[in-house]
Amino acid sequence: YADSVKGRFTCSRDNAKNTVYLEMNNLKTDDTAVYYCAASNTWRAPAY
């Protein structure tokens, strides 16, 4: 997790449903944005 959301956001997945989730708690006005999911073939640089 990014430091800015650690402790507030939780990421999980359901492989059988090919679905990933983002649970967002204690939302702040600064969280306003367009949210995207993405797929990568590496774990080397997850924030890149």
All heavy atoms as atom14 arrays in JSON, in Angstrom:
{
  "sequence": "YADSVKGRFTCSRDNAKNTVYLEMNNLKTDDTAVYYCAASNTWRAPAY",
  "atom14_mask": [
    [1, 1, 1, 1, 1, 1, 1, 1, 1, 1, 1, 1, 0, 0],
    [1, 1, 1, 1, 1, 0, 0, 0, 0, 0, 0, 0, 0, 0],
    [1, 1, 1, 1, 1, 1, 1, 1, 0, 0, 0, 0, 0, 0],
    [1, 1, 1, 1, 1, 1, 0, 0, 0, 0, 0, 0, 0, 0],
    [1, 1, 1, 1, 1, 1, 1, 0, 0, 0, 0, 0, 0, 0],
    [1, 1, 1, 1, 1, 1, 1, 1, 1, 0, 0, 0, 0, 0],
    [1, 1, 1, 1, 0, 0, 0, 0, 0, 0, 0, 0, 0, 0],
    [1, 1, 1, 1, 1, 1, 1, 1, 1, 1, 1, 0, 0, 0],
    [1, 1, 1, 1, 1, 1, 1, 1, 1, 1, 1, 0, 0, 0],
    [1, 1, 1, 1, 1, 1, 1, 0, 0, 0, 0, 0, 0, 0],
    [1, 1, 1, 1, 1, 1, 0, 0, 0, 0, 0, 0, 0, 0],
    [1, 1, 1, 1, 1, 1, 0, 0, 0, 0, 0, 0, 0, 0],
    [1, 1, 1, 1, 1, 1, 1, 1, 1, 1, 1, 0, 0, 0],
    [1, 1, 1, 1, 1, 1, 1, 1, 0, 0, 0, 0, 0, 0],
    [1, 1, 1, 1, 1, 1, 1, 1, 0, 0, 0, 0, 0, 0],
    [1, 1, 1, 1, 1, 0, 0, 0, 0, 0, 0, 0, 0, 0],
    [1, 1, 1, 1, 1, 1, 1, 1, 1, 0, 0, 0, 0, 0],
    [1, 1, 1, 1, 1, 1, 1, 1, 0, 0, 0, 0, 0, 0],
    [1, 1, 1, 1, 1, 1, 1, 0, 0, 0, 0, 0, 0, 0],
    [1, 1, 1, 1, 1, 1, 1, 0, 0, 0, 0, 0, 0, 0],
    [1, 1, 1, 1, 1, 1, 1, 1, 1, 1, 1, 1, 0, 0],
    [1, 1, 1, 1, 1, 1, 1, 1, 0, 0, 0, 0, 0, 0],
    [1, 1, 1, 1, 1, 1, 1, 1, 1, 0, 0, 0, 0, 0],
    [1, 1, 1, 1, 1, 1, 1, 1, 0, 0, 0, 0, 0, 0],
    [1, 1, 1, 1, 1, 1, 1, 1, 0, 0, 0, 0, 0, 0],
    [1, 1, 1, 1, 1, 1, 1, 1, 0, 0, 0, 0, 0, 0],
    [1, 1, 1, 1, 1, 1, 1, 1, 0, 0, 0, 0, 0, 0],
    [1, 1, 1, 1, 1, 1, 1, 1, 1, 0, 0, 0, 0, 0],
    [1, 1, 1, 1, 1, 1, 1, 0, 0, 0, 0, 0, 0, 0],
    [1, 1, 1, 1, 1, 1, 1, 1, 0, 0, 0, 0, 0, 0],
    [1, 1, 1, 1, 1, 1, 1, 1, 0, 0, 0, 0, 0, 0],
    [1, 1, 1, 1, 1, 1, 1, 0, 0, 0, 0, 0, 0, 0],
    [1, 1, 1, 1, 1, 0, 0, 0, 0, 0, 0, 0, 0, 0],
    [1, 1, 1, 1, 1, 1, 1, 0, 0, 0, 0, 0, 0, 0],
    [1, 1, 1, 1, 1, 1, 1, 1, 1, 1, 1, 1, 0, 0],
    [1, 1, 1, 1, 1, 1, 1, 1, 1, 1, 1, 1, 0, 0],
    [1, 1, 1, 1, 1, 1, 0, 0, 0, 0, 0, 0, 0, 0],
    [1, 1, 1, 1, 1, 0, 0, 0, 0, 0, 0, 0, 0, 0],
    [1, 1, 1, 1, 1, 0, 0, 0, 0, 0, 0, 0, 0, 0],
    [1, 1, 1, 1, 1, 1, 0, 0, 0, 0, 0, 0, 0, 0],
    [1, 1, 1, 1, 1, 1, 1, 1, 0, 0, 0, 0, 0, 0],
    [1, 1, 1, 1, 1, 1, 1, 0, 0, 0, 0, 0, 0, 0],
    [1, 1, 1, 1, 1, 1, 1, 1, 1, 1, 1, 1, 1, 1],
    [1, 1, 1, 1, 1, 1, 1, 1, 1, 1, 1, 0, 0, 0],
    [1, 1, 1, 1, 1, 0, 0, 0, 0, 0, 0, 0, 0, 0],
    [1, 1, 1, 1, 1, 1, 1, 0, 0, 0, 0, 0, 0, 0],
    [1, 1, 1, 1, 1, 0, 0, 0, 0, 0, 0, 0, 0, 0],
    [1, 1, 1, 1, 1, 1, 1, 1, 1, 1, 1, 1, 0, 0]
  ],
  "atom14_positions": [
    [[0.82, -1.2, 0.0], [0.0, 0.0, 0.0], [0.85, 1.25, 0.0], [1.95, 1.27, 0.56], [-0.9, 0.05, 1.24], [-1.9, -1.07, 1.33], [-1.59, -2.25, 1.99], [-3.15, -0.96, 0.74], [-2.5, -3.28, 2.08], [-4.07, -1.98, 0.82], [-3.75, -3.15, 1.49], [-4.66, -4.17, 1.57], [0.0, 0.0, 0.0], [0.0, 0.0, 0.0]],
    [[0.32, 2.3, -0.61], [0.94, 3.6, -0.48], [0.77, 4.09, 0.96], [-0.24, 3.82, 1.61], [0.3, 4.6, -1.45], [0.0, 0.0, 0.0], [0.0, 0.0, 0.0], [0.0, 0.0, 0.0], [0.0, 0.0, 0.0], [0.0, 0.0, 0.0], [0.0, 0.0, 0.0], [0.0, 0.0, 0.0], [0.0, 0.0, 0.0], [0.0, 0.0, 0.0]],
    [[1.76, 4.83, 1.45], [1.69, 5.33, 2.81], [0.46, 6.21, 3.04], [-0.1, 6.23, 4.14], [2.95, 6.13, 3.15], [4.17, 5.26, 3.32], [4.02, 4.04, 3.53], [5.29, 5.8, 3.24], [0.0, 0.0, 0.0], [0.0, 0.0, 0.0], [0.0, 0.0, 0.0], [0.0, 0.0, 0.0], [0.0, 0.0, 0.0], [0.0, 0.0, 0.0]],
    [[0.02, 6.89, 2.01], [-1.1, 7.81, 2.14], [-2.42, 7.12, 2.44], [-3.34, 7.77, 2.96], [-1.23, 8.67, 0.88], [-1.47, 7.86, -0.26], [0.0, 0.0, 0.0], [0.0, 0.0, 0.0], [0.0, 0.0, 0.0], [0.0, 0.0, 0.0], [0.0, 0.0, 0.0], [0.0, 0.0, 0.0], [0.0, 0.0, 0.0], [0.0, 0.0, 0.0]],
    [[-2.54, 5.83, 2.12], [-3.8, 5.13, 2.32], [-3.67, 3.93, 3.25], [-4.69, 3.3, 3.58], [-4.42, 4.68, 0.98], [-4.64, 5.88, 0.08], [-3.54, 3.64, 0.3], [0.0, 0.0, 0.0], [0.0, 0.0, 0.0], [0.0, 0.0, 0.0], [0.0, 0.0, 0.0], [0.0, 0.0, 0.0], [0.0, 0.0, 0.0], [0.0, 0.0, 0.0]],
    [[-2.47, 3.62, 3.69], [-2.26, 2.48, 4.57], [-3.05, 2.67, 5.87], [-3.0, 3.73, 6.49], [-0.78, 2.31, 4.87], [-0.42, 1.03, 5.6], [1.1, 0.89, 5.75], [1.79, 0.82, 4.41], [3.26, 0.63, 4.55], [0.0, 0.0, 0.0], [0.0, 0.0, 0.0], [0.0, 0.0, 0.0], [0.0, 0.0, 0.0], [0.0, 0.0, 0.0]],
    [[-3.81, 1.64, 6.23], [-4.64, 1.72, 7.41], [-6.06, 2.15, 7.13], [-6.95, 1.97, 7.98], [0.0, 0.0, 0.0], [0.0, 0.0, 0.0], [0.0, 0.0, 0.0], [0.0, 0.0, 0.0], [0.0, 0.0, 0.0], [0.0, 0.0, 0.0], [0.0, 0.0, 0.0], [0.0, 0.0, 0.0], [0.0, 0.0, 0.0], [0.0, 0.0, 0.0]],
    [[-6.31, 2.73, 5.95], [-7.66, 3.14, 5.56], [-8.21, 2.3, 4.41], [-9.4, 2.02, 4.37], [-7.7, 4.61, 5.14], [-7.45, 5.59, 6.27], [-7.87, 7.0, 5.84], [-7.13, 7.46, 4.67], [-7.68, 7.91, 3.55], [-9.01, 7.96, 3.44], [-6.93, 8.33, 2.54], [0.0, 0.0, 0.0], [0.0, 0.0, 0.0], [0.0, 0.0, 0.0]],
    [[-7.34, 1.93, 3.47], [-7.75, 1.17, 2.29], [-7.27, -0.26, 2.41], [-6.16, -0.52, 2.9], [-7.16, 1.78, 1.01], [-7.73, 3.11, 0.61], [-8.54, 3.84, 1.46], [-7.43, 3.63, -0.64], [-9.06, 5.07, 1.08], [-7.94, 4.86, -1.04], [-8.76, 5.58, -0.17], [0.0, 0.0, 0.0], [0.0, 0.0, 0.0], [0.0, 0.0, 0.0]],
    [[-8.08, -1.2, 1.93], [-7.72, -2.61, 1.94], [-8.0, -3.21, 0.57], [-9.11, -3.08, 0.04], [-8.51, -3.39, 3.0], [-8.26, -2.82, 4.29], [-8.08, -4.85, 3.01], [0.0, 0.0, 0.0], [0.0, 0.0, 0.0], [0.0, 0.0, 0.0], [0.0, 0.0, 0.0], [0.0, 0.0, 0.0], [0.0, 0.0, 0.0], [0.0, 0.0, 0.0]],
    [[-7.0, -3.87, 0.0], [-7.12, -4.52, -1.3], [-7.26, -6.03, -1.1], [-6.54, -6.62, -0.29], [-5.9, -4.2, -2.15], [-5.98, -4.81, -3.85], [0.0, 0.0, 0.0], [0.0, 0.0, 0.0], [0.0, 0.0, 0.0], [0.0, 0.0, 0.0], [0.0, 0.0, 0.0], [0.0, 0.0, 0.0], [0.0, 0.0, 0.0], [0.0, 0.0, 0.0]],
    [[-8.18, -6.64, -1.83], [-8.37, -8.08, -1.77], [-8.77, -8.59, -3.15], [-9.03, -7.8, -4.06], [-9.44, -8.45, -0.73], [-10.69, -7.87, -1.07], [0.0, 0.0, 0.0], [0.0, 0.0, 0.0], [0.0, 0.0, 0.0], [0.0, 0.0, 0.0], [0.0, 0.0, 0.0], [0.0, 0.0, 0.0], [0.0, 0.0, 0.0], [0.0, 0.0, 0.0]],
    [[-8.8, -9.92, -3.3], [-9.19, -10.47, -4.59], [-9.92, -11.79, -4.42], [-9.75, -12.48, -3.42], [-7.98, -10.66, -5.54], [-7.27, -12.01, -5.42], [-6.15, -11.96, -4.42], [-5.36, -13.19, -4.41], [-5.59, -14.21, -3.6], [-6.59, -14.15, -2.71], [-4.82, -15.28, -3.64], [0.0, 0.0, 0.0], [0.0, 0.0, 0.0], [0.0, 0.0, 0.0]],
    [[-10.73, -12.12, -5.42], [-11.45, -13.38, -5.5], [-11.05, -14.0, -6.84], [-11.57, -13.61, -7.88], [-12.96, -13.16, -5.41], [-13.74, -14.45, -5.36], [-13.25, -15.48, -5.86], [-14.85, -14.44, -4.8], [0.0, 0.0, 0.0], [0.0, 0.0, 0.0], [0.0, 0.0, 0.0], [0.0, 0.0, 0.0], [0.0, 0.0, 0.0], [0.0, 0.0, 0.0]],
    [[-10.12, -14.95, -6.8], [-9.6, -15.52, -8.03], [-10.68, -16.24, -8.84], [-10.67, -16.19, -10.08], [-8.46, -16.49, -7.73], [-7.29, -15.82, -7.06], [-7.33, -15.5, -5.88], [-6.22, -15.6, -7.82], [0.0, 0.0, 0.0], [0.0, 0.0, 0.0], [0.0, 0.0, 0.0], [0.0, 0.0, 0.0], [0.0, 0.0, 0.0], [0.0, 0.0, 0.0]],
    [[-11.61, -16.9, -8.16], [-12.67, -17.62, -8.85], [-13.55, -16.69, -9.66], [-14.12, -17.1, -10.67], [-13.51, -18.42, -7.85], [0.0, 0.0, 0.0], [0.0, 0.0, 0.0], [0.0, 0.0, 0.0], [0.0, 0.0, 0.0], [0.0, 0.0, 0.0], [0.0, 0.0, 0.0], [0.0, 0.0, 0.0], [0.0, 0.0, 0.0], [0.0, 0.0, 0.0]],
    [[-13.68, -15.45, -9.22], [-14.52, -14.47, -9.91], [-13.71, -13.51, -10.77], [-14.29, -12.61, -11.38], [-15.34, -13.67, -8.9], [-16.34, -14.5, -8.12], [-17.13, -13.64, -7.15], [-18.16, -14.46, -6.4], [-18.94, -13.64, -5.45], [0.0, 0.0, 0.0], [0.0, 0.0, 0.0], [0.0, 0.0, 0.0], [0.0, 0.0, 0.0], [0.0, 0.0, 0.0]],
    [[-12.39, -13.68, -10.82], [-11.51, -12.77, -11.55], [-11.79, -11.31, -11.16], [-11.89, -10.43, -12.02], [-11.67, -12.95, -13.06], [-10.92, -14.17, -13.59], [-10.19, -14.84, -12.85], [-11.09, -14.45, -14.87], [0.0, 0.0, 0.0], [0.0, 0.0, 0.0], [0.0, 0.0, 0.0], [0.0, 0.0, 0.0], [0.0, 0.0, 0.0], [0.0, 0.0, 0.0]],
    [[-11.9, -11.08, -9.86], [-12.28, -9.77, -9.36], [-11.34, -9.32, -8.25], [-10.99, -10.12, -7.38], [-13.72, -9.77, -8.85], [-14.6, -10.14, -9.92], [-14.13, -8.4, -8.34], [0.0, 0.0, 0.0], [0.0, 0.0, 0.0], [0.0, 0.0, 0.0], [0.0, 0.0, 0.0], [0.0, 0.0, 0.0], [0.0, 0.0, 0.0], [0.0, 0.0, 0.0]],
    [[-10.96, -8.06, -8.29], [-10.16, -7.45, -7.24], [-10.99, -6.32, -6.61], [-11.76, -5.66, -7.31], [-8.81, -6.94, -7.77], [-9.0, -5.85, -8.81], [-7.93, -6.46, -6.63], [0.0, 0.0, 0.0], [0.0, 0.0, 0.0], [0.0, 0.0, 0.0], [0.0, 0.0, 0.0], [0.0, 0.0, 0.0], [0.0, 0.0, 0.0], [0.0, 0.0, 0.0]],
    [[-10.82, -6.11, -5.31], [-11.61, -5.13, -4.57], [-10.71, -4.11, -3.9], [-9.56, -4.38, -3.57], [-12.46, -5.82, -3.5], [-13.37, -6.89, -4.03], [-12.95, -8.21, -4.07], [-14.64, -6.57, -4.49], [-13.78, -9.21, -4.56], [-15.47, -7.55, -4.99], [-15.04, -8.87, -5.02], [-15.88, -9.85, -5.51], [0.0, 0.0, 0.0], [0.0, 0.0, 0.0]],
    [[-11.27, -2.94, -3.67], [-10.62, -1.92, -2.87], [-11.64, -1.37, -1.89], [-12.58, -0.68, -2.29], [-10.06, -0.78, -3.74], [-9.24, 0.26, -2.99], [-7.93, -0.35, -2.48], [-8.95, 1.47, -3.87], [0.0, 0.0, 0.0], [0.0, 0.0, 0.0], [0.0, 0.0, 0.0], [0.0, 0.0, 0.0], [0.0, 0.0, 0.0], [0.0, 0.0, 0.0]],
    [[-11.46, -1.7, -0.61], [-12.32, -1.19, 0.45], [-11.7, 0.1, 0.97], [-10.55, 0.1, 1.43], [-12.45, -2.22, 1.57], [-13.27, -1.75, 2.76], [-14.75, -1.67, 2.47], [-15.23, -2.44, 1.62], [-15.43, -0.83, 3.09], [0.0, 0.0, 0.0], [0.0, 0.0, 0.0], [0.0, 0.0, 0.0], [0.0, 0.0, 0.0], [0.0, 0.0, 0.0]],
    [[-12.44, 1.19, 0.9], [-11.95, 2.49, 1.3], [-12.75, 2.97, 2.5], [-13.97, 3.12, 2.42], [-12.08, 3.48, 0.14], [-11.39, 3.02, -1.14], [-11.45, 4.25, -2.46], [-13.22, 4.26, -2.8], [0.0, 0.0, 0.0], [0.0, 0.0, 0.0], [0.0, 0.0, 0.0], [0.0, 0.0, 0.0], [0.0, 0.0, 0.0], [0.0, 0.0, 0.0]],
    [[-12.05, 3.22, 3.61], [-12.68, 3.65, 4.85], [-12.23, 5.04, 5.23], [-11.16, 5.51, 4.81], [-12.35, 2.67, 5.98], [-12.84, 1.27, 5.71], [-13.99, 1.08, 5.31], [-12.0, 0.28, 5.94], [0.0, 0.0, 0.0], [0.0, 0.0, 0.0], [0.0, 0.0, 0.0], [0.0, 0.0, 0.0], [0.0, 0.0, 0.0], [0.0, 0.0, 0.0]],
    [[-13.05, 5.71, 6.04], [-12.74, 7.05, 6.52], [-12.31, 7.96, 5.37], [-11.25, 8.59, 5.4], [-11.65, 6.99, 7.59], [-11.46, 8.31, 8.32], [-12.38, 9.13, 8.39], [-10.25, 8.53, 8.84], [0.0, 0.0, 0.0], [0.0, 0.0, 0.0], [0.0, 0.0, 0.0], [0.0, 0.0, 0.0], [0.0, 0.0, 0.0], [0.0, 0.0, 0.0]],
    [[-13.14, 8.04, 4.37], [-12.81, 8.82, 3.18], [-12.7, 10.3, 3.49], [-13.43, 10.84, 4.33], [-13.85, 8.59, 2.09], [-13.73, 7.24, 1.38], [-15.01, 6.92, 0.62], [-12.54, 7.26, 0.43], [0.0, 0.0, 0.0], [0.0, 0.0, 0.0], [0.0, 0.0, 0.0], [0.0, 0.0, 0.0], [0.0, 0.0, 0.0], [0.0, 0.0, 0.0]],
    [[-11.77, 10.95, 2.81], [-11.51, 12.37, 2.97], [-11.76, 13.08, 1.64], [-11.77, 12.45, 0.59], [-10.06, 12.59, 3.42], [-9.66, 11.77, 4.63], [-8.2, 11.94, 4.98], [-7.78, 11.01, 6.09], [-8.58, 11.21, 7.33], [0.0, 0.0, 0.0], [0.0, 0.0, 0.0], [0.0, 0.0, 0.0], [0.0, 0.0, 0.0], [0.0, 0.0, 0.0]],
    [[-11.95, 14.39, 1.69], [-12.2, 15.13, 0.46], [-11.03, 15.0, -0.51], [-11.23, 15.02, -1.73], [-12.46, 16.61, 0.75], [-11.37, 17.17, 1.5], [-13.75, 16.79, 1.55], [0.0, 0.0, 0.0], [0.0, 0.0, 0.0], [0.0, 0.0, 0.0], [0.0, 0.0, 0.0], [0.0, 0.0, 0.0], [0.0, 0.0, 0.0], [0.0, 0.0, 0.0]],
    [[-9.82, 14.83, 0.0], [-8.65, 14.67, -0.86], [-8.64, 13.33, -1.6], [-7.81, 13.12, -2.49], [-7.36, 14.8, -0.05], [-7.04, 16.23, 0.34], [-7.69, 17.15, -0.19], [-6.13, 16.43, 1.16], [0.0, 0.0, 0.0], [0.0, 0.0, 0.0], [0.0, 0.0, 0.0], [0.0, 0.0, 0.0], [0.0, 0.0, 0.0], [0.0, 0.0, 0.0]],
    [[-9.53, 12.42, -1.23], [-9.64, 11.14, -1.93], [-10.44, 11.28, -3.22], [-10.55, 10.31, -3.98], [-10.29, 10.09, -1.04], [-9.42, 9.72, 0.15], [-8.19, 9.61, -0.02], [-9.99, 9.52, 1.24], [0.0, 0.0, 0.0], [0.0, 0.0, 0.0], [0.0, 0.0, 0.0], [0.0, 0.0, 0.0], [0.0, 0.0, 0.0], [0.0, 0.0, 0.0]],
    [[-11.03, 12.42, -3.48], [-11.8, 12.64, -4.7], [-10.91, 12.48, -5.92], [-9.9, 13.17, -6.06], [-12.45, 14.02, -4.69], [-13.39, 14.11, -3.62], [-13.17, 14.3, -6.0], [0.0, 0.0, 0.0], [0.0, 0.0, 0.0], [0.0, 0.0, 0.0], [0.0, 0.0, 0.0], [0.0, 0.0, 0.0], [0.0, 0.0, 0.0], [0.0, 0.0, 0.0]],
    [[-11.29, 11.57, -6.82], [-10.49, 11.27, -8.0], [-11.21, 10.22, -8.83], [-12.22, 9.65, -8.41], [-9.1, 10.76, -7.61], [0.0, 0.0, 0.0], [0.0, 0.0, 0.0], [0.0, 0.0, 0.0], [0.0, 0.0, 0.0], [0.0, 0.0, 0.0], [0.0, 0.0, 0.0], [0.0, 0.0, 0.0], [0.0, 0.0, 0.0], [0.0, 0.0, 0.0]],
    [[-10.66, 9.96, -10.01], [-11.06, 8.81, -10.79], [-10.17, 7.65, -10.39], [-8.94, 7.77, -10.39], [-10.95, 9.07, -12.31], [-11.31, 7.82, -13.1], [-11.87, 10.22, -12.71], [0.0, 0.0, 0.0], [0.0, 0.0, 0.0], [0.0, 0.0, 0.0], [0.0, 0.0, 0.0], [0.0, 0.0, 0.0], [0.0, 0.0, 0.0], [0.0, 0.0, 0.0]],
    [[-10.77, 6.52, -10.05], [-10.04, 5.36, -9.57], [-9.95, 4.3, -10.66], [-10.95, 3.98, -11.31], [-10.72, 4.78, -8.32], [-10.45, 5.59, -7.08], [-10.97, 6.88, -6.96], [-9.66, 5.09, -6.06], [-10.7, 7.64, -5.84], [-9.39, 5.85, -4.93], [-9.92, 7.13, -4.82], [-9.65, 7.88, -3.71], [0.0, 0.0, 0.0], [0.0, 0.0, 0.0]],
    [[-8.76, 3.76, -10.85], [-8.49, 2.79, -11.9], [-7.91, 1.5, -11.32], [-7.13, 1.53, -10.37], [-7.46, 3.33, -12.9], [-7.87, 4.58, -13.64], [-7.6, 5.84, -13.12], [-8.51, 4.5, -14.87], [-7.96, 6.99, -13.8], [-8.87, 5.64, -15.55], [-8.59, 6.89, -15.01], [-8.95, 8.02, -15.69], [0.0, 0.0, 0.0], [0.0, 0.0, 0.0]],
    [[-8.27, 0.38, -11.92], [-7.55, -0.86, -11.66], [-6.72, -1.21, -12.88], [-6.99, -0.76, -13.99], [-8.5, -2.01, -11.29], [-9.59, -2.55, -12.61], [0.0, 0.0, 0.0], [0.0, 0.0, 0.0], [0.0, 0.0, 0.0], [0.0, 0.0, 0.0], [0.0, 0.0, 0.0], [0.0, 0.0, 0.0], [0.0, 0.0, 0.0], [0.0, 0.0, 0.0]],
    [[-5.68, -2.01, -12.67], [-4.76, -2.36, -13.75], [-4.13, -3.71, -13.49], [-4.04, -4.16, -12.34], [-3.67, -1.28, -13.87], [0.0, 0.0, 0.0], [0.0, 0.0, 0.0], [0.0, 0.0, 0.0], [0.0, 0.0, 0.0], [0.0, 0.0, 0.0], [0.0, 0.0, 0.0], [0.0, 0.0, 0.0], [0.0, 0.0, 0.0], [0.0, 0.0, 0.0]],
    [[-3.67, -4.36, -14.56], [-3.05, -5.68, -14.48], [-1.61, -5.61, -14.96], [-1.3, -4.99, -15.98], [-3.83, -6.68, -15.33], [0.0, 0.0, 0.0], [0.0, 0.0, 0.0], [0.0, 0.0, 0.0], [0.0, 0.0, 0.0], [0.0, 0.0, 0.0], [0.0, 0.0, 0.0], [0.0, 0.0, 0.0], [0.0, 0.0, 0.0], [0.0, 0.0, 0.0]],
    [[-0.73, -6.28, -14.21], [0.7, -6.32, -14.51], [1.2, -7.76, -14.5], [0.65, -8.61, -13.8], [1.48, -5.5, -13.47], [2.88, -5.67, -13.64], [0.0, 0.0, 0.0], [0.0, 0.0, 0.0], [0.0, 0.0, 0.0], [0.0, 0.0, 0.0], [0.0, 0.0, 0.0], [0.0, 0.0, 0.0], [0.0, 0.0, 0.0], [0.0, 0.0, 0.0]],
    [[2.25, -8.02, -15.27], [2.86, -9.35, -15.29], [4.12, -9.43, -14.43], [4.9, -10.37, -14.55], [3.17, -9.8, -16.72], [4.24, -8.96, -17.39], [4.68, -7.94, -16.86], [4.67, -9.41, -18.57], [0.0, 0.0, 0.0], [0.0, 0.0, 0.0], [0.0, 0.0, 0.0], [0.0, 0.0, 0.0], [0.0, 0.0, 0.0], [0.0, 0.0, 0.0]],
    [[4.3, -8.45, -13.54], [5.44, -8.47, -12.64], [5.04, -7.94, -11.27], [4.1, -7.16, -11.14], [6.61, -7.63, -13.2], [7.71, -7.67, -12.28], [6.19, -6.18, -13.4], [0.0, 0.0, 0.0], [0.0, 0.0, 0.0], [0.0, 0.0, 0.0], [0.0, 0.0, 0.0], [0.0, 0.0, 0.0], [0.0, 0.0, 0.0], [0.0, 0.0, 0.0]],
    [[5.76, -8.36, -10.24], [5.6, -7.86, -8.88], [6.81, -7.03, -8.48], [6.9, -6.56, -7.34], [5.41, -9.04, -7.92], [5.08, -8.68, -6.5], [5.78, -9.03, -5.38], [3.94, -7.94, -6.03], [5.16, -8.55, -4.26], [4.02, -7.89, -4.61], [2.85, -7.33, -6.65], [3.08, -7.23, -3.82], [1.91, -6.68, -5.88], [2.03, -6.64, -4.48]],
    [[7.72, -6.82, -9.42], [8.97, -6.14, -9.12], [8.76, -4.69, -8.71], [9.42, -4.18, -7.8], [9.91, -6.21, -10.32], [11.17, -5.39, -10.18], [12.14, -5.65, -11.33], [13.23, -4.69, -11.34], [14.28, -4.74, -10.56], [14.4, -5.74, -9.68], [15.22, -3.83, -10.64], [0.0, 0.0, 0.0], [0.0, 0.0, 0.0], [0.0, 0.0, 0.0]],
    [[7.83, -4.01, -9.39], [7.59, -2.59, -9.12], [6.09, -2.31, -9.1], [5.54, -1.72, -10.04], [8.28, -1.72, -10.17], [0.0, 0.0, 0.0], [0.0, 0.0, 0.0], [0.0, 0.0, 0.0], [0.0, 0.0, 0.0], [0.0, 0.0, 0.0], [0.0, 0.0, 0.0], [0.0, 0.0, 0.0], [0.0, 0.0, 0.0], [0.0, 0.0, 0.0]],
    [[5.4, -2.73, -8.05], [3.94, -2.6, -8.03], [3.43, -1.17, -8.05], [2.28, -0.95, -8.44], [3.54, -3.31, -6.73], [4.77, -3.29, -5.88], [5.91, -3.4, -6.83], [0.0, 0.0, 0.0], [0.0, 0.0, 0.0], [0.0, 0.0, 0.0], [0.0, 0.0, 0.0], [0.0, 0.0, 0.0], [0.0, 0.0, 0.0], [0.0, 0.0, 0.0]],
    [[4.24, -0.19, -7.64], [3.8, 1.2, -7.62], [4.13, 1.95, -8.91], [3.82, 3.13, -9.02], [4.43, 1.93, -6.44], [0.0, 0.0, 0.0], [0.0, 0.0, 0.0], [0.0, 0.0, 0.0], [0.0, 0.0, 0.0], [0.0, 0.0, 0.0], [0.0, 0.0, 0.0], [0.0, 0.0, 0.0], [0.0, 0.0, 0.0], [0.0, 0.0, 0.0]],
    [[4.74, 1.29, -9.87], [5.2, 1.9, -11.11], [4.14, 1.7, -12.19], [3.99, 0.62, -12.74], [6.53, 1.27, -11.51], [7.2, 1.85, -12.72], [7.49, 3.2, -12.8], [7.57, 1.02, -13.77], [8.13, 3.72, -13.91], [8.21, 1.53, -14.88], [8.49, 2.88, -14.95], [9.13, 3.39, -16.05], [0.0, 0.0, 0.0], [0.0, 0.0, 0.0]]
  ]
}
